[in-house]
Amino acid sequence: MQKRSSQHFYDQAWFWDMLIILLLIVSAASSHWLFFLLQKPHDALITIGLGTFFAVMSIGFLLTFYGSFIEPKLLRIKHQQIAIKNAPTLRIAIASDFHVGPYKKAAFVKHVVERINGLKPDVIFLVGDFLDNEKSNLSDLKPLKNLKAPKGIFAVTGNHDAGMYLDIHKRPYQTVDRTKELEAMLEPMGIHFLKNEHTILEIEKKKIAIAGIDDAFMEECDLEGAIADIPKNIPIILLSHNPDIIRDSLSKTCDLIISGHTHGGQIRLPFIGPLCPMPIRIPKKYDQGLFKMNKNCTLFITHGLGETWARARLFCVPEIVVVEIR
């Protein structure tokens, strides 16, 4: 595996900010120029062509501006009900992919915490990628100390926390692993990291296992160790930042797999789906939402809270997910 001191240039915020500014300038200038031309008399076909091009440039400007500076600051609550046999009734709040760094700061994290607490969950799952890169400021995560859940707060680390990435050819490379300093900061806040291990909760005289693994890109990822010794009659919820874990057939023995990582594609169009390639090795259809893996196993992928590469989201609003286990 290639070792690097930092991410590739196309993973850097400055590169995408420059590209966004360029797109805004080009689309705004083109719209202005076309509007000026439309004021002059032309043949009908030329007028239609100019009008169409003007509409395209104007829509492009509006979508670029909205996707870059408005939608990423929004926050929605998504509700999902999932039936798990023999499981206790449980209200779960899921937050993933904070990506604190160039785009997300402490103020956004504070807002997320307030919204989660307002949902009054029994348990909270934080599903990795707390940090965006090796330069992210850990102090931006301090508001997480105010999270409240009577049955516990459980977390796993993500590939960005570990400095593990895929390049544009989907070849792995690694920068700086910050998982230890991340865990050292958040564990005293009552956030329990599950590192290839599990814990068993007993609620209403019923038991449920919460297992967690290191990111699927990491050599340390040990699904077998995480779910070892769980009695067969106890249902299992697996926290895996990366949905690539479904490549391991053992994952299908879990009742529910909760992942993030994909950001839902981050840039989406209606009826088309994600426009950008996603850093996964499983089919692109695993972008967001519920997937039935077999009659007993369900995969749920949240498109998370933060952004990588460009600061943009389009038709893919940052989300907190509330899962009601019945």
C-alpha atoms as a PDB file:
ATOM      1  CA  MET A   1       0.000   0.000   0.000  1.00  0.00           C
ATOM      2  CA  GLN A   2       1.231   3.462  -0.912  1.00  0.00           C
ATOM      3  CA  LYS A   3       2.116   5.731   2.042  1.00  0.00           C
ATOM      4  CA  ARG A   4       1.686   9.472   1.751  1.00  0.00           C
ATOM      5  CA  SER A   5       2.030  12.478   4.066  1.00  0.00           C
ATOM      6  CA  SER A   6      -1.210  13.985   2.773  1.00  0.00           C
ATOM      7  CA  GLN A   7      -4.110  13.344   0.427  1.00  0.00           C
ATOM      8  CA  HIS A   8      -3.900  13.755  -3.344  1.00  0.00           C
ATOM      9  CA  PHE A   9      -4.438  17.277  -4.675  1.00  0.00           C
ATOM     10  CA  TYR A  10      -7.903  16.337  -5.951  1.00  0.00           C
ATOM     11  CA  ASP A  11      -8.899  15.422  -2.377  1.00  0.00           C
ATOM     12  CA  GLN A  12      -8.019  18.899  -1.118  1.00  0.00           C
ATOM     13  CA  ALA A  13     -10.647  21.547  -0.332  1.00  0.00           C
ATOM     14  CA  TRP A  14      -8.757  24.344  -2.129  1.00  0.00           C
ATOM     15  CA  PHE A  15      -8.887  22.457  -5.436  1.00  0.00           C
ATOM     16  CA  TRP A  16     -12.655  22.036  -5.324  1.00  0.00           C
ATOM     17  CA  ASP A  17     -13.257  25.565  -4.023  1.00  0.00           C
ATOM     18  CA  MET A  18     -11.341  26.939  -7.008  1.00  0.00           C
ATOM     19  CA  LEU A  19     -13.380  24.728  -9.331  1.00  0.00           C
ATOM     20  CA  ILE A  20     -16.674  25.887  -7.775  1.00  0.00           C
ATOM     21  CA  ILE A  21     -15.657  29.549  -8.087  1.00  0.00           C
ATOM     22  CA  LEU A  22     -14.690  28.952 -11.723  1.00  0.00           C
ATOM     23  CA  LEU A  23     -18.054  27.309 -12.458  1.00  0.00           C
ATOM     24  CA  LEU A  24     -19.940  30.181 -10.834  1.00  0.00           C
ATOM     25  CA  ILE A  25     -17.967  32.784 -12.788  1.00  0.00           C
ATOM     26  CA  VAL A  26     -18.372  30.986 -16.122  1.00  0.00           C
ATOM     27  CA  SER A  27     -22.095  30.309 -15.667  1.00  0.00           C
ATOM     28  CA  ALA A  28     -22.818  33.853 -14.413  1.00  0.00           C
ATOM     29  CA  ALA A  29     -20.798  35.494 -17.207  1.00  0.00           C
ATOM     30  CA  SER A  30     -22.377  33.262 -19.848  1.00  0.00           C
ATOM     31  CA  SER A  31     -25.889  33.995 -18.551  1.00  0.00           C
ATOM     32  CA  HIS A  32     -25.198  37.743 -18.610  1.00  0.00           C
ATOM     33  CA  TRP A  33     -23.793  37.609 -22.141  1.00  0.00           C
ATOM     34  CA  LEU A  34     -26.677  35.468 -23.435  1.00  0.00           C
ATOM     35  CA  PHE A  35     -29.260  37.731 -21.818  1.00  0.00           C
ATOM     36  CA  PHE A  36     -27.661  40.674 -23.624  1.00  0.00           C
ATOM     37  CA  LEU A  37     -27.780  38.805 -26.951  1.00  0.00           C
ATOM     38  CA  LEU A  38     -31.426  37.882 -26.451  1.00  0.00           C
ATOM     39  CA  GLN A  39     -32.341  41.571 -26.407  1.00  0.00           C
ATOM     40  CA  LYS A  40     -31.381  41.822 -30.082  1.00  0.00           C
ATOM     41  CA  PRO A  41     -33.532  40.529 -32.985  1.00  0.00           C
ATOM     42  CA  HIS A  42     -32.623  37.059 -34.321  1.00  0.00           C
ATOM     43  CA  ASP A  43     -34.131  34.307 -36.420  1.00  0.00           C
ATOM     44  CA  ALA A  44     -36.530  32.093 -34.462  1.00  0.00           C
ATOM     45  CA  LEU A  45     -34.155  29.108 -34.320  1.00  0.00           C
ATOM     46  CA  ILE A  46     -31.269  31.255 -33.105  1.00  0.00           C
ATOM     47  CA  THR A  47     -33.502  32.836 -30.468  1.00  0.00           C
ATOM     48  CA  ILE A  48     -34.618  29.395 -29.269  1.00  0.00           C
ATOM     49  CA  GLY A  49     -30.996  28.200 -29.157  1.00  0.00           C
ATOM     50  CA  LEU A  50     -29.824  31.265 -27.249  1.00  0.00           C
ATOM     51  CA  GLY A  51     -32.785  30.987 -24.873  1.00  0.00           C
ATOM     52  CA  THR A  52     -32.067  27.330 -24.190  1.00  0.00           C
ATOM     53  CA  PHE A  53     -28.391  28.005 -23.564  1.00  0.00           C
ATOM     54  CA  PHE A  54     -29.318  30.927 -21.295  1.00  0.00           C
ATOM     55  CA  ALA A  55     -31.653  28.668 -19.282  1.00  0.00           C
ATOM     56  CA  VAL A  56     -28.972  25.966 -18.959  1.00  0.00           C
ATOM     57  CA  MET A  57     -26.331  28.444 -17.773  1.00  0.00           C
ATOM     58  CA  SER A  58     -28.747  30.101 -15.329  1.00  0.00           C
ATOM     59  CA  ILE A  59     -29.871  26.773 -13.867  1.00  0.00           C
ATOM     60  CA  GLY A  60     -26.236  25.678 -13.667  1.00  0.00           C
ATOM     61  CA  PHE A  61     -25.362  28.801 -11.679  1.00  0.00           C
ATOM     62  CA  LEU A  62     -28.316  28.370  -9.310  1.00  0.00           C
ATOM     63  CA  LEU A  63     -27.654  24.649  -8.710  1.00  0.00           C
ATOM     64  CA  THR A  64     -23.932  25.230  -8.152  1.00  0.00           C
ATOM     65  CA  PHE A  65     -24.612  28.026  -5.669  1.00  0.00           C
ATOM     66  CA  TYR A  66     -27.385  26.122  -3.872  1.00  0.00           C
ATOM     67  CA  GLY A  67     -25.432  22.866  -3.746  1.00  0.00           C
ATOM     68  CA  SER A  68     -22.235  24.526  -2.546  1.00  0.00           C
ATOM     69  CA  PHE A  69     -23.483  27.057  -0.001  1.00  0.00           C
ATOM     70  CA  ILE A  70     -27.040  26.206   1.043  1.00  0.00           C
ATOM     71  CA  GLU A  71     -27.842  22.477   1.028  1.00  0.00           C
ATOM     72  CA  PRO A  72     -24.686  21.408   2.947  1.00  0.00           C
ATOM     73  CA  LYS A  73     -25.829  23.628   5.837  1.00  0.00           C
ATOM     74  CA  LEU A  74     -29.257  22.020   6.037  1.00  0.00           C
ATOM     75  CA  LEU A  75     -30.093  19.144   8.359  1.00  0.00           C
ATOM     76  CA  ARG A  76     -32.999  16.739   8.078  1.00  0.00           C
ATOM     77  CA  ILE A  77     -34.294  13.999  10.342  1.00  0.00           C
ATOM     78  CA  LYS A  78     -35.008  10.729   8.547  1.00  0.00           C
ATOM     79  CA  HIS A  79     -37.241   8.136  10.239  1.00  0.00           C
ATOM     80  CA  GLN A  80     -36.965   4.425   9.554  1.00  0.00           C
ATOM     81  CA  GLN A  81     -38.675   1.392  11.082  1.00  0.00           C
ATOM     82  CA  ILE A  82     -36.918  -1.972  10.994  1.00  0.00           C
ATOM     83  CA  ALA A  83     -38.238  -5.264  12.337  1.00  0.00           C
ATOM     84  CA  ILE A  84     -35.705  -7.541  14.031  1.00  0.00           C
ATOM     85  CA  LYS A  85     -36.869 -10.877  15.401  1.00  0.00           C
ATOM     86  CA  ASN A  86     -36.500 -11.255  19.190  1.00  0.00           C
ATOM     87  CA  ALA A  87     -35.108  -7.729  19.540  1.00  0.00           C
ATOM     88  CA  PRO A  88     -36.261  -5.301  22.238  1.00  0.00           C
ATOM     89  CA  THR A  89     -38.073  -2.125  21.254  1.00  0.00           C
ATOM     90  CA  LEU A  90     -35.308   0.389  20.677  1.00  0.00           C
ATOM     91  CA  ARG A  91     -35.078   3.974  19.426  1.00  0.00           C
ATOM     92  CA  ILE A  92     -31.731   4.595  17.756  1.00  0.00           C
ATOM     93  CA  ALA A  93     -30.234   7.875  16.544  1.00  0.00           C
ATOM     94  CA  ILE A  94     -27.573   7.490  13.858  1.00  0.00           C
ATOM     95  CA  ALA A  95     -25.025  10.141  12.874  1.00  0.00           C
ATOM     96  CA  SER A  96     -22.192   9.471  10.472  1.00  0.00           C
ATOM     97  CA  ASP A  97     -19.505  11.255   8.484  1.00  0.00           C
ATOM     98  CA  PHE A  98     -19.117  14.522  10.395  1.00  0.00           C
ATOM     99  CA  HIS A  99     -15.912  15.196   8.425  1.00  0.00           C
ATOM    100  CA  VAL A 100     -14.901  18.120  10.627  1.00  0.00           C
ATOM    101  CA  GLY A 101     -12.260  20.077   8.786  1.00  0.00           C
ATOM    102  CA  PRO A 102     -12.484  22.639   6.000  1.00  0.00           C
ATOM    103  CA  TYR A 103     -16.284  22.573   5.703  1.00  0.00           C
ATOM    104  CA  LYS A 104     -17.767  21.394   9.012  1.00  0.00           C
ATOM    105  CA  LYS A 105     -16.838  23.058  12.302  1.00  0.00           C
ATOM    106  CA  ALA A 106     -17.861  22.935  15.982  1.00  0.00           C
ATOM    107  CA  ALA A 107     -20.997  25.035  15.365  1.00  0.00           C
ATOM    108  CA  PHE A 108     -22.397  22.414  13.001  1.00  0.00           C
ATOM    109  CA  VAL A 109     -21.522  19.580  15.394  1.00  0.00           C
ATOM    110  CA  LYS A 110     -23.257  21.484  18.216  1.00  0.00           C
ATOM    111  CA  HIS A 111     -26.383  21.823  16.061  1.00  0.00           C
ATOM    112  CA  VAL A 112     -26.339  18.077  15.324  1.00  0.00           C
ATOM    113  CA  VAL A 113     -25.996  17.254  19.033  1.00  0.00           C
ATOM    114  CA  GLU A 114     -28.956  19.483  19.912  1.00  0.00           C
ATOM    115  CA  ARG A 115     -31.120  17.847  17.256  1.00  0.00           C
ATOM    116  CA  ILE A 116     -30.147  14.326  18.365  1.00  0.00           C
ATOM    117  CA  ASN A 117     -30.876  15.047  22.025  1.00  0.00           C
ATOM    118  CA  GLY A 118     -34.238  16.483  21.036  1.00  0.00           C
ATOM    119  CA  LEU A 119     -35.136  13.106  19.511  1.00  0.00           C
ATOM    120  CA  LYS A 120     -34.692  11.402  22.908  1.00  0.00           C
ATOM    121  CA  PRO A 121     -33.071   8.204  21.585  1.00  0.00           C
ATOM    122  CA  ASP A 122     -32.433   5.137  23.744  1.00  0.00           C
ATOM    123  CA  VAL A 123     -29.049   4.654  22.117  1.00  0.00           C
ATOM    124  CA  ILE A 124     -26.839   6.657  19.751  1.00  0.00           C
ATOM    125  CA  PHE A 125     -24.603   5.230  17.024  1.00  0.00           C
ATOM    126  CA  LEU A 126     -21.775   7.341  15.560  1.00  0.00           C
ATOM    127  CA  VAL A 127     -20.647   5.534  12.429  1.00  0.00           C
ATOM    128  CA  GLY A 128     -17.207   6.892  11.610  1.00  0.00           C
ATOM    129  CA  ASP A 129     -15.371   9.595   9.664  1.00  0.00           C
ATOM    130  CA  PHE A 130     -15.398  12.093  12.495  1.00  0.00           C
ATOM    131  CA  LEU A 131     -12.403  13.784  10.826  1.00  0.00           C
ATOM    132  CA  ASP A 132     -11.923  14.853   7.232  1.00  0.00           C
ATOM    133  CA  ASN A 133      -8.148  14.650   6.958  1.00  0.00           C
ATOM    134  CA  GLU A 134      -4.813  14.739   8.769  1.00  0.00           C
ATOM    135  CA  LYS A 135      -5.183  18.489   9.410  1.00  0.00           C
ATOM    136  CA  SER A 136      -8.684  18.387  10.945  1.00  0.00           C
ATOM    137  CA  ASN A 137      -9.022  20.003  14.366  1.00  0.00           C
ATOM    138  CA  LEU A 138     -10.189  17.540  17.013  1.00  0.00           C
ATOM    139  CA  SER A 139     -11.574  20.390  19.115  1.00  0.00           C
ATOM    140  CA  ASP A 140     -14.400  20.791  16.592  1.00  0.00           C
ATOM    141  CA  LEU A 141     -15.808  17.546  18.028  1.00  0.00           C
ATOM    142  CA  LYS A 142     -16.057  18.848  21.611  1.00  0.00           C
ATOM    143  CA  PRO A 143     -19.847  19.399  21.410  1.00  0.00           C
ATOM    144  CA  LEU A 144     -20.243  15.598  21.260  1.00  0.00           C
ATOM    145  CA  LYS A 145     -19.692  15.564  25.047  1.00  0.00           C
ATOM    146  CA  ASN A 146     -23.287  16.788  25.414  1.00  0.00           C
ATOM    147  CA  LEU A 147     -24.885  13.791  23.691  1.00  0.00           C
ATOM    148  CA  LYS A 148     -27.395  11.945  25.891  1.00  0.00           C
ATOM    149  CA  ALA A 149     -28.724   8.405  25.532  1.00  0.00           C
ATOM    150  CA  PRO A 150     -29.734   6.220  28.524  1.00  0.00           C
ATOM    151  CA  LYS A 151     -28.608   2.952  26.930  1.00  0.00           C
ATOM    152  CA  GLY A 152     -25.279   4.250  25.672  1.00  0.00           C
ATOM    153  CA  ILE A 153     -23.397   5.942  22.845  1.00  0.00           C
ATOM    154  CA  PHE A 154     -21.426   3.614  20.579  1.00  0.00           C
ATOM    155  CA  ALA A 155     -19.044   4.452  17.761  1.00  0.00           C
ATOM    156  CA  VAL A 156     -16.691   3.058  15.165  1.00  0.00           C
ATOM    157  CA  THR A 157     -13.930   4.830  13.283  1.00  0.00           C
ATOM    158  CA  GLY A 158     -13.964   5.452   9.547  1.00  0.00           C
ATOM    159  CA  ASN A 159     -11.423   5.414   6.763  1.00  0.00           C
ATOM    160  CA  HIS A 160     -10.740   9.168   6.993  1.00  0.00           C
ATOM    161  CA  ASP A 161     -10.058   8.828  10.718  1.00  0.00           C
ATOM    162  CA  ALA A 162      -7.504   6.147   9.868  1.00  0.00           C
ATOM    163  CA  GLY A 163      -6.087   8.062   6.892  1.00  0.00           C
ATOM    164  CA  MET A 164      -7.147   5.285   4.501  1.00  0.00           C
ATOM    165  CA  TYR A 165      -8.303   6.298   1.021  1.00  0.00           C
ATOM    166  CA  LEU A 166      -8.853   5.031  -2.488  1.00  0.00           C
ATOM    167  CA  ASP A 167      -7.448   7.033  -5.388  1.00  0.00           C
ATOM    168  CA  ILE A 168      -9.432   7.663  -8.582  1.00  0.00           C
ATOM    169  CA  HIS A 169      -8.346   4.214  -9.799  1.00  0.00           C
ATOM    170  CA  LYS A 170      -9.637   2.665  -6.522  1.00  0.00           C
ATOM    171  CA  ARG A 171      -6.114   1.817  -5.394  1.00  0.00           C
ATOM    172  CA  PRO A 172      -5.612   2.125  -1.601  1.00  0.00           C
ATOM    173  CA  TYR A 173      -3.198   4.583  -0.041  1.00  0.00           C
ATOM    174  CA  GLN A 174      -2.662   5.801   3.529  1.00  0.00           C
ATOM    175  CA  THR A 175      -1.739   9.108   5.133  1.00  0.00           C
ATOM    176  CA  VAL A 176      -1.917   9.698   8.910  1.00  0.00           C
ATOM    177  CA  ASP A 177      -3.832   7.331  11.210  1.00  0.00           C
ATOM    178  CA  ARG A 178      -5.560   9.491  13.843  1.00  0.00           C
ATOM    179  CA  THR A 179      -7.848   6.841  15.335  1.00  0.00           C
ATOM    180  CA  LYS A 180      -5.980   6.616  18.649  1.00  0.00           C
ATOM    181  CA  GLU A 181      -6.055  10.351  19.356  1.00  0.00           C
ATOM    182  CA  LEU A 182      -9.697  10.467  18.276  1.00  0.00           C
ATOM    183  CA  GLU A 183     -10.648   7.655  20.653  1.00  0.00           C
ATOM    184  CA  ALA A 184      -8.561   9.177  23.467  1.00  0.00           C
ATOM    185  CA  MET A 185     -10.544  12.386  23.158  1.00  0.00           C
ATOM    186  CA  LEU A 186     -14.053  10.938  22.765  1.00  0.00           C
ATOM    187  CA  GLU A 187     -13.981   7.931  25.128  1.00  0.00           C
ATOM    188  CA  PRO A 188     -13.889  10.159  28.268  1.00  0.00           C
ATOM    189  CA  MET A 189     -17.023  11.863  26.910  1.00  0.00           C
ATOM    190  CA  GLY A 190     -18.911   8.592  27.279  1.00  0.00           C
ATOM    191  CA  ILE A 191     -18.590   7.557  23.641  1.00  0.00           C
ATOM    192  CA  HIS A 192     -17.644   3.887  23.571  1.00  0.00           C
ATOM    193  CA  PHE A 193     -15.668   2.774  20.527  1.00  0.00           C
ATOM    194  CA  LEU A 194     -16.255  -0.790  19.387  1.00  0.00           C
ATOM    195  CA  LYS A 195     -13.012  -2.002  17.857  1.00  0.00           C
ATOM    196  CA  ASN A 196     -13.695  -5.444  16.419  1.00  0.00           C
ATOM    197  CA  GLU A 197     -15.767  -6.266  19.474  1.00  0.00           C
ATOM    198  CA  HIS A 198     -19.313  -6.242  20.787  1.00  0.00           C
ATOM    199  CA  THR A 199     -21.378  -5.414  23.801  1.00  0.00           C
ATOM    200  CA  ILE A 200     -24.760  -6.827  24.796  1.00  0.00           C
ATOM    201  CA  LEU A 201     -27.621  -4.616  25.912  1.00  0.00           C
ATOM    202  CA  GLU A 202     -30.537  -5.974  27.940  1.00  0.00           C
ATOM    203  CA  ILE A 203     -33.766  -4.023  27.537  1.00  0.00           C
ATOM    204  CA  GLU A 204     -37.209  -5.150  28.654  1.00  0.00           C
ATOM    205  CA  LYS A 205     -35.741  -8.562  29.513  1.00  0.00           C
ATOM    206  CA  LYS A 206     -34.586  -8.967  25.911  1.00  0.00           C
ATOM    207  CA  LYS A 207     -30.983  -8.873  24.735  1.00  0.00           C
ATOM    208  CA  ILE A 208     -29.399  -7.379  21.641  1.00  0.00           C
ATOM    209  CA  ALA A 209     -25.728  -7.348  20.636  1.00  0.00           C
ATOM    210  CA  ILE A 210     -24.088  -4.168  19.324  1.00  0.00           C
ATOM    211  CA  ALA A 211     -20.940  -5.062  17.387  1.00  0.00           C
ATOM    212  CA  GLY A 212     -18.472  -2.707  15.738  1.00  0.00           C
ATOM    213  CA  ILE A 213     -15.491  -3.117  13.434  1.00  0.00           C
ATOM    214  CA  ASP A 214     -12.593  -1.077  12.143  1.00  0.00           C
ATOM    215  CA  ASP A 215     -13.065   0.296   8.665  1.00  0.00           C
ATOM    216  CA  ALA A 216     -13.224  -2.290   5.902  1.00  0.00           C
ATOM    217  CA  PHE A 217     -10.228  -0.650   4.184  1.00  0.00           C
ATOM    218  CA  MET A 218      -8.047  -1.386   7.231  1.00  0.00           C
ATOM    219  CA  GLU A 219      -6.049  -4.565   7.718  1.00  0.00           C
ATOM    220  CA  GLU A 220      -7.169  -4.551  11.367  1.00  0.00           C
ATOM    221  CA  CYS A 221     -10.822  -5.041  10.388  1.00  0.00           C
ATOM    222  CA  ASP A 222     -11.926  -8.273  12.092  1.00  0.00           C
ATOM    223  CA  LEU A 223     -15.593  -9.087  11.652  1.00  0.00           C
ATOM    224  CA  GLU A 224     -15.177 -12.636  12.917  1.00  0.00           C
ATOM    225  CA  GLY A 225     -13.648 -11.386  16.159  1.00  0.00           C
ATOM    226  CA  ALA A 226     -16.321  -8.723  16.559  1.00  0.00           C
ATOM    227  CA  ILE A 227     -19.223 -11.168  16.606  1.00  0.00           C
ATOM    228  CA  ALA A 228     -17.478 -14.177  18.147  1.00  0.00           C
ATOM    229  CA  ASP A 229     -19.225 -15.816  21.108  1.00  0.00           C
ATOM    230  CA  ILE A 230     -22.551 -14.028  20.601  1.00  0.00           C
ATOM    231  CA  PRO A 231     -25.257 -16.598  21.414  1.00  0.00           C
ATOM    232  CA  LYS A 232     -27.334 -17.522  18.367  1.00  0.00           C
ATOM    233  CA  ASN A 233     -30.607 -16.434  19.929  1.00  0.00           C
ATOM    234  CA  ILE A 234     -29.382 -12.836  20.426  1.00  0.00           C
ATOM    235  CA  PRO A 235     -29.935 -10.497  17.450  1.00  0.00           C
ATOM    236  CA  ILE A 236     -26.925  -8.502  16.219  1.00  0.00           C
ATOM    237  CA  ILE A 237     -26.604  -4.912  15.052  1.00  0.00           C
ATOM    238  CA  LEU A 238     -23.270  -4.365  13.298  1.00  0.00           C
ATOM    239  CA  LEU A 239     -21.718  -0.906  13.020  1.00  0.00           C
ATOM    240  CA  SER A 240     -19.469  -0.773   9.976  1.00  0.00           C
ATOM    241  CA  HIS A 241     -18.524   2.626   8.582  1.00  0.00           C
ATOM    242  CA  ASN A 242     -17.928   1.159   5.149  1.00  0.00           C
ATOM    243  CA  PRO A 243     -20.688  -0.925   3.525  1.00  0.00           C
ATOM    244  CA  ASP A 244     -17.943  -2.835   1.700  1.00  0.00           C
ATOM    245  CA  ILE A 245     -18.180  -5.216   4.653  1.00  0.00           C
ATOM    246  CA  ILE A 246     -21.013  -7.005   2.824  1.00  0.00           C
ATOM    247  CA  ARG A 247     -18.319  -8.533   0.619  1.00  0.00           C
ATOM    248  CA  ASP A 248     -17.660 -10.764   3.645  1.00  0.00           C
ATOM    249  CA  SER A 249     -20.381 -13.415   3.727  1.00  0.00           C
ATOM    250  CA  LEU A 250     -20.112 -13.511   7.526  1.00  0.00           C
ATOM    251  CA  SER A 251     -21.763 -10.076   7.638  1.00  0.00           C
ATOM    252  CA  LYS A 252     -25.035 -11.675   6.505  1.00  0.00           C
ATOM    253  CA  THR A 253     -25.292 -13.415   9.882  1.00  0.00           C
ATOM    254  CA  CYS A 254     -25.999 -10.025  11.456  1.00  0.00           C
ATOM    255  CA  ASP A 255     -29.600  -8.861  11.644  1.00  0.00           C
ATOM    256  CA  LEU A 256     -28.855  -5.213  10.844  1.00  0.00           C
ATOM    257  CA  ILE A 257     -25.742  -3.600   9.391  1.00  0.00           C
ATOM    258  CA  ILE A 258     -25.493   0.181   9.792  1.00  0.00           C
ATOM    259  CA  SER A 259     -23.059   2.043   7.545  1.00  0.00           C
ATOM    260  CA  GLY A 260     -22.222   5.487   6.219  1.00  0.00           C
ATOM    261  CA  HIS A 261     -19.225   6.326   4.021  1.00  0.00           C
ATOM    262  CA  THR A 262     -21.018   6.774   0.681  1.00  0.00           C
ATOM    263  CA  HIS A 263     -22.572  10.192   1.471  1.00  0.00           C
ATOM    264  CA  GLY A 264     -25.409   8.956  -0.735  1.00  0.00           C
ATOM    265  CA  GLY A 265     -23.190   9.914  -3.646  1.00  0.00           C
ATOM    266  CA  GLN A 266     -23.221  13.511  -2.297  1.00  0.00           C
ATOM    267  CA  ILE A 267     -24.204  14.932  -5.702  1.00  0.00           C
ATOM    268  CA  ARG A 268     -27.431  13.359  -6.969  1.00  0.00           C
ATOM    269  CA  LEU A 269     -30.015  13.995  -9.653  1.00  0.00           C
ATOM    270  CA  PRO A 270     -33.622  12.806  -9.514  1.00  0.00           C
ATOM    271  CA  PHE A 271     -34.200   9.500 -11.352  1.00  0.00           C
ATOM    272  CA  ILE A 272     -30.460   9.232 -12.051  1.00  0.00           C
ATOM    273  CA  GLY A 273     -28.884   8.941  -8.606  1.00  0.00           C
ATOM    274  CA  PRO A 274     -25.241   9.699  -7.738  1.00  0.00           C
ATOM    275  CA  LEU A 275     -23.253  11.560 -10.376  1.00  0.00           C
ATOM    276  CA  CYS A 276     -19.866  11.032  -8.753  1.00  0.00           C
ATOM    277  CA  PRO A 277     -17.938   7.776  -8.334  1.00  0.00           C
ATOM    278  CA  MET A 278     -18.160   6.474  -4.771  1.00  0.00           C
ATOM    279  CA  PRO A 279     -15.191   5.065  -2.793  1.00  0.00           C
ATOM    280  CA  ILE A 280     -16.636   1.564  -2.519  1.00  0.00           C
ATOM    281  CA  ARG A 281     -15.825  -1.745  -4.154  1.00  0.00           C
ATOM    282  CA  ILE A 282     -19.371  -3.017  -4.071  1.00  0.00           C
ATOM    283  CA  PRO A 283     -21.896  -2.080  -6.801  1.00  0.00           C
ATOM    284  CA  LYS A 284     -22.926   1.565  -7.067  1.00  0.00           C
ATOM    285  CA  LYS A 285     -26.525   0.690  -6.209  1.00  0.00           C
ATOM    286  CA  TYR A 286     -25.456   0.543  -2.540  1.00  0.00           C
ATOM    287  CA  ASP A 287     -25.566   4.310  -2.184  1.00  0.00           C
ATOM    288  CA  GLN A 288     -28.134   5.052   0.542  1.00  0.00           C
ATOM    289  CA  GLY A 289     -31.136   3.587   2.304  1.00  0.00           C
ATOM    290  CA  LEU A 290     -32.321   0.052   3.060  1.00  0.00           C
ATOM    291  CA  PHE A 291     -31.163  -3.121   1.339  1.00  0.00           C
ATOM    292  CA  LYS A 292     -32.387  -6.610   2.152  1.00  0.00           C
ATOM    293  CA  MET A 293     -29.333  -8.888   2.087  1.00  0.00           C
ATOM    294  CA  ASN A 294     -31.273 -12.058   2.972  1.00  0.00           C
ATOM    295  CA  LYS A 295     -34.447 -12.871   4.892  1.00  0.00           C
ATOM    296  CA  ASN A 296     -32.781 -12.059   8.235  1.00  0.00           C
ATOM    297  CA  CYS A 297     -30.155  -9.431   7.334  1.00  0.00           C
ATOM    298  CA  THR A 298     -30.771  -5.791   6.421  1.00  0.00           C
ATOM    299  CA  LEU A 299     -28.174  -3.211   5.398  1.00  0.00           C
ATOM    300  CA  PHE A 300     -28.908   0.454   6.101  1.00  0.00           C
ATOM    301  CA  ILE A 301     -26.672   3.179   4.651  1.00  0.00           C
ATOM    302  CA  THR A 302     -27.055   6.771   5.815  1.00  0.00           C
ATOM    303  CA  HIS A 303     -25.740   9.503   3.548  1.00  0.00           C
ATOM    304  CA  GLY A 304     -24.324  11.235   6.607  1.00  0.00           C
ATOM    305  CA  LEU A 305     -23.601  14.810   7.598  1.00  0.00           C
ATOM    306  CA  GLY A 306     -20.416  16.077   6.017  1.00  0.00           C
ATOM    307  CA  GLU A 307     -18.707  16.425   2.670  1.00  0.00           C
ATOM    308  CA  THR A 308     -15.455  15.354   1.083  1.00  0.00           C
ATOM    309  CA  TRP A 309     -13.838  16.637  -2.094  1.00  0.00           C
ATOM    310  CA  ALA A 310     -16.207  19.498  -2.988  1.00  0.00           C
ATOM    311  CA  ARG A 311     -18.109  21.359  -0.267  1.00  0.00           C
ATOM    312  CA  ALA A 312     -21.249  20.546  -2.256  1.00  0.00           C
ATOM    313  CA  ARG A 313     -24.313  18.388  -1.741  1.00  0.00           C
ATOM    314  CA  LEU A 314     -27.161  18.275  -4.216  1.00  0.00           C
ATOM    315  CA  PHE A 315     -30.492  16.544  -3.566  1.00  0.00           C
ATOM    316  CA  CYS A 316     -28.697  14.727  -0.741  1.00  0.00           C
ATOM    317  CA  VAL A 317     -29.322  16.779   2.413  1.00  0.00           C
ATOM    318  CA  PRO A 318     -27.181  16.025   5.529  1.00  0.00           C
ATOM    319  CA  GLU A 319     -29.205  13.728   7.768  1.00  0.00           C
ATOM    320  CA  ILE A 320     -29.645  12.287  11.228  1.00  0.00           C
ATOM    321  CA  VAL A 321     -31.466   8.957  11.080  1.00  0.00           C
ATOM    322  CA  VAL A 322     -33.875   7.694  13.706  1.00  0.00           C
ATOM    323  CA  VAL A 323     -34.358   3.919  13.520  1.00  0.00           C
ATOM    324  CA  GLU A 324     -37.194   2.353  15.472  1.00  0.00           C
ATOM    325  CA  ILE A 325     -36.489  -1.313  16.149  1.00  0.00           C
ATOM    326  CA  ARG A 326     -39.703  -3.291  16.568  1.00  0.00           C
END
